[in-house]
Protein backbone atom coordinates (compact mmCIF):
# COMPACT_ATOMS: atom_id res chain seq x y z
CA MET A 1 161.26 67.94 -94.85
CA GLU A 2 161.97 67.21 -91.15
CA LYS A 3 164.88 68.26 -89.10
CA VAL A 4 165.59 67.09 -85.53
CA TYR A 5 168.40 68.62 -83.33
CA ARG A 6 169.53 66.61 -80.13
CA ILE A 7 171.63 68.94 -77.99
CA ASP A 8 173.97 67.49 -75.26
CA ASN A 9 175.42 69.08 -72.14
CA ALA A 10 178.67 69.87 -73.95
CA GLY A 11 177.05 71.87 -76.80
CA ASN A 12 177.44 69.11 -79.45
CA VAL A 13 174.34 68.61 -81.69
CA ASP A 14 173.27 65.52 -83.41
CA VAL A 15 171.14 66.27 -86.40
CA GLU A 16 168.62 64.20 -88.35
CA ARG A 17 167.44 65.37 -91.64
CA ASP A 18 164.51 63.51 -93.31
CA TRP A 19 163.12 64.07 -96.77
CA ILE A 20 159.80 62.64 -97.51
CA LEU A 21 158.98 62.30 -101.27
CA THR A 22 155.33 61.68 -102.19
CA ASN A 23 154.31 61.06 -105.88
CA GLN A 24 150.96 62.75 -106.20
CA ALA A 25 150.80 62.21 -109.87
CA HIS A 26 148.82 59.47 -111.69
CA LYS A 27 151.95 58.10 -113.27
CA ASP A 28 155.38 56.76 -112.33
CA VAL A 29 158.00 59.54 -111.81
CA ASP A 30 161.60 59.19 -112.69
CA ILE A 31 163.76 60.48 -109.71
CA SER A 32 167.10 59.09 -110.76
CA GLU A 33 168.43 62.69 -111.41
CA LEU A 34 166.91 64.20 -108.24
CA SER A 35 169.53 65.66 -105.98
CA LEU A 36 168.83 65.64 -102.26
CA TYR A 37 171.44 67.63 -100.35
CA ILE A 38 172.01 70.08 -97.52
CA ILE A 39 174.69 72.71 -96.92
CA GLU A 40 175.73 73.47 -93.26
CA HIS A 41 177.66 76.58 -92.92
CA ILE A 42 180.13 75.37 -90.33
CA ASN A 43 183.82 74.37 -90.20
CA THR A 44 183.44 70.77 -89.34
CA LEU A 45 180.90 68.01 -88.91
CA ALA A 46 181.25 64.41 -87.91
CA ASN A 47 179.57 60.82 -87.86
CA VAL A 48 177.81 61.29 -91.25
CA LYS A 49 175.35 58.45 -92.22
CA ALA A 50 172.62 58.19 -94.75
CA SER A 51 169.76 55.71 -94.74
CA ASP A 52 166.33 54.72 -95.92
CA SER A 53 163.94 51.88 -94.68
CA SER A 54 166.16 49.29 -96.44
CA GLY A 55 169.41 50.22 -94.82
CA ASP A 56 172.47 52.45 -95.39
CA LEU A 57 172.69 54.79 -98.44
CA GLU A 58 175.46 56.24 -100.36
CA PHE A 59 176.28 59.96 -99.72
CA TYR A 60 178.88 62.33 -100.67
CA GLN A 61 180.44 65.28 -98.73
CA GLU A 62 182.33 68.29 -100.18
CA GLN A 63 183.25 71.77 -99.56
CA SER A 64 180.77 74.39 -100.77
CA GLY A 65 181.91 78.02 -100.41
CA SER A 66 181.84 78.68 -96.60
CA GLY A 67 179.91 75.57 -95.87
CA ILE A 68 179.95 71.81 -96.23
CA LYS A 69 177.60 70.16 -98.64
CA ILE A 70 176.29 66.61 -98.01
CA GLY A 71 174.19 64.78 -100.68
CA VAL A 72 172.20 61.67 -100.48
CA LEU A 73 171.85 59.17 -103.35
CA PRO A 74 168.38 57.70 -103.34
CA ARG A 75 168.16 53.87 -103.64
CA ILE A 76 165.16 53.81 -105.99
CA LYS A 77 164.94 55.35 -109.46
CA LYS A 78 161.15 55.61 -109.74
CA LEU A 79 158.29 56.65 -107.61
CA SER A 80 154.96 54.89 -108.43
CA SER A 81 151.82 56.83 -108.18
CA LEU A 82 150.95 57.81 -104.52
CA GLN A 83 154.24 56.14 -103.36
CA LYS A 84 156.19 57.70 -100.48
CA TYR A 85 159.95 57.45 -100.11
CA ARG A 86 161.78 58.61 -97.03
CA THR A 87 165.49 59.17 -96.65
CA SER A 88 167.41 60.17 -93.63
CA LEU A 89 170.72 61.94 -93.14
CA LEU A 90 172.48 61.91 -89.69
CA TYR A 91 175.48 63.93 -88.57
CA ARG A 92 176.96 65.75 -85.65
CA LEU A 93 177.95 69.39 -85.26
CA PRO A 94 180.68 69.52 -82.60
CA ASN A 95 180.61 72.35 -80.09
CA HIS A 96 177.93 74.03 -82.17
CA VAL A 97 175.87 75.62 -79.38
CA ARG A 98 177.58 78.60 -77.75
CA LYS A 99 177.51 79.15 -73.89
CA LEU A 100 177.70 82.31 -71.94
CA GLY A 101 177.68 81.66 -68.21
CA LYS A 102 174.71 79.43 -67.51
CA VAL A 103 172.91 80.51 -70.82
CA TRP A 104 173.11 78.65 -74.11
CA PHE A 105 172.54 80.17 -77.54
CA PHE A 106 171.34 78.16 -80.51
CA SER A 107 170.25 79.09 -84.05
CA ASP A 108 169.21 77.15 -87.10
CA LEU A 109 168.50 77.96 -90.76
CA ILE A 110 166.54 75.81 -93.31
CA SER A 111 166.45 76.77 -97.00
CA GLY A 112 163.72 75.90 -99.35
CA MET A 113 164.43 73.03 -101.73
CA GLU A 114 165.77 73.85 -105.12
CA LYS A 115 163.51 72.56 -107.95
CA LEU A 116 165.65 72.98 -111.00
CA SER A 117 164.68 70.54 -113.68
CA PHE A 118 161.84 69.14 -111.49
CA GLU A 119 159.84 72.34 -111.59
CA ASP A 120 156.77 70.59 -112.95
CA LEU A 121 157.02 67.60 -110.37
CA ILE A 122 157.64 69.35 -107.08
CA SER A 123 154.95 71.47 -105.41
CA GLU A 124 155.26 75.12 -105.13
CA LYS A 125 156.02 75.04 -101.33
CA MET A 126 157.86 72.66 -99.12
CA ASP A 127 156.43 71.72 -95.69
CA VAL A 128 158.97 71.87 -92.85
CA LYS A 129 159.00 70.57 -89.31
CA LEU A 130 161.94 71.37 -86.99
CA GLN A 131 162.38 69.92 -83.44
CA VAL A 132 164.94 70.85 -80.83
CA ILE A 133 165.53 68.37 -77.96
CA LEU A 134 167.14 70.32 -75.22
CA PRO A 135 169.70 68.63 -72.88
CA ASN A 136 169.06 67.92 -69.17
CA LEU A 137 170.92 70.58 -67.38
CA ARG A 138 172.14 70.33 -63.66
CA LYS A 139 170.42 72.88 -61.36
CA ARG A 140 170.28 73.57 -57.66
CA PHE A 141 166.90 73.40 -55.89
CA TRP A 142 166.62 77.24 -55.89
CA GLN A 143 167.17 77.32 -59.72
CA SER A 144 164.84 76.66 -62.64
CA LEU A 145 165.32 75.99 -66.40
CA PHE A 146 164.06 78.24 -69.01
CA HIS A 147 163.91 78.63 -72.78
CA GLU A 148 162.93 81.29 -75.20
CA SER A 149 162.81 81.35 -78.98
CA ALA A 150 161.92 83.54 -81.95
CA PRO A 151 159.64 82.66 -83.59
CA LEU A 152 157.82 81.19 -80.71
CA GLY A 153 158.00 77.33 -80.74
CA LYS A 154 155.51 74.80 -79.47
CA GLU A 155 156.55 72.79 -76.41
CA LEU A 156 155.41 69.22 -76.80
CA ALA A 157 153.52 67.66 -74.09
CA LYS A 158 155.10 64.53 -72.43
CA ALA A 159 152.58 62.31 -74.23
CA GLU A 160 153.87 63.55 -77.51
CA ILE A 161 157.56 62.94 -76.85
CA ASN A 162 159.55 59.93 -77.67
CA SER A 163 159.97 57.79 -74.62
CA GLN A 164 163.86 58.21 -74.92
CA TYR A 165 163.43 61.94 -74.29
CA THR A 166 160.56 62.22 -71.76
CA ASP A 167 162.95 64.07 -69.34
CA ASN A 168 163.84 66.65 -72.00
CA ALA A 169 162.13 69.78 -73.07
CA VAL A 170 161.10 69.34 -76.85
CA LEU A 171 160.34 72.43 -78.95
CA GLU A 172 158.79 72.06 -82.34
CA TRP A 173 158.27 74.56 -85.24
CA THR A 174 156.35 73.99 -88.43
CA SER A 175 156.53 76.21 -91.65
CA SER A 176 156.04 76.11 -95.30
CA LEU A 177 158.85 77.39 -97.62
CA PHE A 178 159.15 78.63 -101.22
CA PRO A 179 162.39 77.42 -102.80
CA GLU A 180 163.98 80.86 -102.47
CA HIS A 181 162.98 81.44 -98.78
CA ASN A 182 164.72 80.56 -95.52
CA PHE A 183 163.40 79.67 -92.13
CA VAL A 184 165.46 80.75 -89.14
CA VAL A 185 165.00 79.81 -85.50
CA ARG A 186 166.93 81.48 -82.69
CA LEU A 187 166.81 79.87 -79.25
CA ILE A 188 168.34 80.58 -75.84
CA TYR A 189 167.92 78.30 -72.85
CA GLY A 190 169.60 77.73 -69.54
CA ILE A 191 169.46 77.89 -65.82
CA LYS A 192 168.24 80.93 -63.85
CA THR A 193 167.76 81.73 -60.10
CA ASN A 194 164.40 81.69 -58.61
CA THR A 195 164.54 85.12 -57.15
CA GLN A 196 161.38 84.63 -55.07
CA LEU A 197 162.71 81.55 -53.51
CA THR A 198 166.11 83.06 -53.05
CA SER A 199 164.52 85.96 -51.26
CA ILE A 200 162.57 83.64 -48.92
CA LEU A 201 165.70 81.60 -48.14
CA THR A 202 167.65 84.81 -47.44
CA VAL A 203 164.97 86.02 -45.04
CA VAL A 204 164.91 82.71 -43.32
CA ALA A 205 168.77 82.61 -43.10
CA THR A 206 168.89 85.98 -41.70
CA ALA A 207 166.23 85.23 -39.13
CA ILE A 208 168.18 82.14 -38.06
CA ALA A 209 171.45 83.91 -37.90
CA ALA A 210 169.79 86.83 -35.76
CA GLY A 211 168.38 84.25 -33.44
CA LEU A 212 171.66 82.41 -33.05
CA ILE A 213 173.47 85.63 -32.33
CA LYS A 214 170.94 86.62 -29.73
CA TYR A 215 171.10 83.17 -28.15
CA LEU A 216 174.92 83.38 -27.93
CA PHE A 217 174.74 86.91 -26.28
CA ASP A 218 172.07 85.66 -23.82
CA LEU A 219 174.73 83.00 -22.76
CA LEU A 220 177.32 85.55 -21.94
């Protein structure tokens, strides 16, 4: 499973969830009853769309306890031996990232995939890759951008980043989950003052002001 977050400057988050099914058996596998779904524990989401390589897919959306459940209906009914099938789910979480001053707070939870009646067909663990694409924030020349996370995420090099996001910081986490496990990422990012540069500017400004005052007194 892959999950990509694209955060904008207003705190909206565009989410892409991808399931990649691979038949590693030496026979065809019936996936007509396989349920692909996610539950987001939020009040609202928008712009829902599901697709595979052939185009748009049907999906359903319903309330599930304190969250919203979105399910995708795969186009194909059978997977041939060694065949891969990828489905994507896109949606927006409005105003999802909280802001305090110039610092933004983000968290995410991914749950392991329920096997149910497919116990003998789905591997014991599910491989998960999570990416967060941070927005471009406006900063002054004496300020700098920062980000910290738990667990520690890998920041992708420019060469690894989609050309559409080369000006953004892209953080990536990988994990492997049992069905009953969760994977949680907590992230803060924002703008901070470069204290060393500020100190230098203060000293320079003080020296200029002192020199200007001395010059004015010398004119008297």
